[in-house]
């Protein structure tokens, strides 16, 4: 399983991030605002604290390896 990428960002960067993507869900908590966003296929969670600190957590985009077909092996039949 891949880990998440995260970084501290400025309020200006947060505003740009929110304005350039799709906001799927928001939640206001005491002391923080949470934003679940999507930029293309990349999901992110942005957190803005009342103190002015902001954090951006992104799930890395994984290359679509395509679905590998499993070859079913028929049971071998012996001819007597």
Protein backbone atom coordinates (compact mmCIF):
# COMPACT_ATOMS: atom_id res chain seq x y z
CA UNK A 1 0.00 0.00 0.00
CA UNK A 2 1.33 3.41 -0.91
CA UNK A 3 1.54 6.09 1.74
CA UNK A 4 0.01 9.52 1.44
CA UNK A 5 1.95 12.60 0.43
CA UNK A 6 1.52 15.55 2.79
CA UNK A 7 2.94 19.02 3.13
CA UNK A 8 2.41 22.26 5.01
CA UNK A 9 1.04 24.95 2.71
CA UNK A 10 0.16 28.65 2.96
CA UNK A 11 -3.39 29.97 3.00
CA UNK A 12 -2.80 31.35 -0.49
CA UNK A 13 -1.77 27.92 -1.77
CA UNK A 14 -4.82 26.41 -0.07
CA UNK A 15 -7.10 28.95 -1.78
CA UNK A 16 -5.53 28.13 -5.15
CA UNK A 17 -5.88 24.39 -4.51
CA UNK A 18 -9.55 24.77 -3.63
CA UNK A 19 -10.31 27.00 -6.62
CA UNK A 20 -8.67 24.76 -9.22
CA UNK A 21 -10.27 21.45 -8.26
CA UNK A 22 -13.61 19.98 -7.35
CA UNK A 23 -14.59 20.16 -3.69
CA UNK A 24 -16.44 16.94 -2.88
CA UNK A 25 -17.12 17.60 0.79
CA UNK A 26 -16.40 20.17 3.47
CA UNK A 27 -16.65 20.07 7.22
CA UNK A 28 -16.20 22.80 9.80
CA UNK A 29 -14.90 21.65 13.16
CA UNK A 30 -13.96 23.69 16.19
CA UNK A 31 -10.57 25.10 15.25
CA UNK A 32 -10.36 23.60 11.75
CA UNK A 33 -11.99 23.38 8.34
CA UNK A 34 -11.64 20.20 6.27
CA UNK A 35 -11.95 19.95 2.48
CA UNK A 36 -12.10 16.73 0.48
CA UNK A 37 -11.04 17.69 -3.05
CA UNK A 38 -10.39 16.06 -6.38
CA UNK A 39 -8.07 17.22 -9.15
CA UNK A 40 -8.56 14.87 -12.07
CA UNK A 41 -7.97 11.41 -10.60
CA UNK A 42 -6.04 12.70 -7.59
CA UNK A 43 -7.87 12.90 -4.25
CA UNK A 44 -6.76 15.25 -1.52
CA UNK A 45 -7.70 16.36 1.95
CA UNK A 46 -6.93 19.96 2.87
CA UNK A 47 -7.01 21.11 6.49
CA UNK A 48 -7.07 24.77 7.49
CA UNK A 49 -6.51 25.47 11.18
CA UNK A 50 -7.73 28.62 12.89
CA UNK A 51 -4.11 29.32 13.83
CA UNK A 52 -3.38 29.93 10.13
CA UNK A 53 -1.57 26.66 9.52
CA UNK A 54 -2.69 24.56 6.54
CA UNK A 55 -1.96 20.98 5.59
CA UNK A 56 -2.49 19.25 2.26
CA UNK A 57 -2.70 15.45 2.18
CA UNK A 58 -2.78 13.78 -1.22
CA UNK A 59 -3.20 10.21 -2.31
CA UNK A 60 -0.62 9.44 -5.01
CA UNK A 61 -2.09 8.54 -8.38
CA UNK A 62 -1.27 4.99 -9.26
CA UNK A 63 -0.74 4.05 -12.86
CA UNK A 64 -3.51 1.81 -14.08
CA UNK A 65 -1.72 -1.44 -14.79
CA UNK A 66 -4.78 -2.75 -16.56
CA UNK A 67 -6.58 -5.77 -15.50
CA UNK A 68 -4.59 -8.84 -16.07
CA UNK A 69 -6.62 -11.70 -17.31
CA UNK A 70 -6.17 -14.79 -15.36
CA UNK A 71 -5.85 -17.77 -17.57
CA UNK A 72 -7.94 -20.50 -16.19
CA UNK A 73 -6.27 -23.78 -16.47
CA UNK A 74 -8.64 -26.56 -17.28
CA UNK A 75 -8.06 -29.63 -15.21
CA UNK A 76 -5.88 -32.04 -17.06
CA UNK A 77 -7.69 -35.08 -18.28
CA UNK A 78 -5.78 -38.27 -18.77
CA UNK A 79 -6.75 -40.60 -21.57
CA UNK A 80 -6.65 -44.18 -20.37
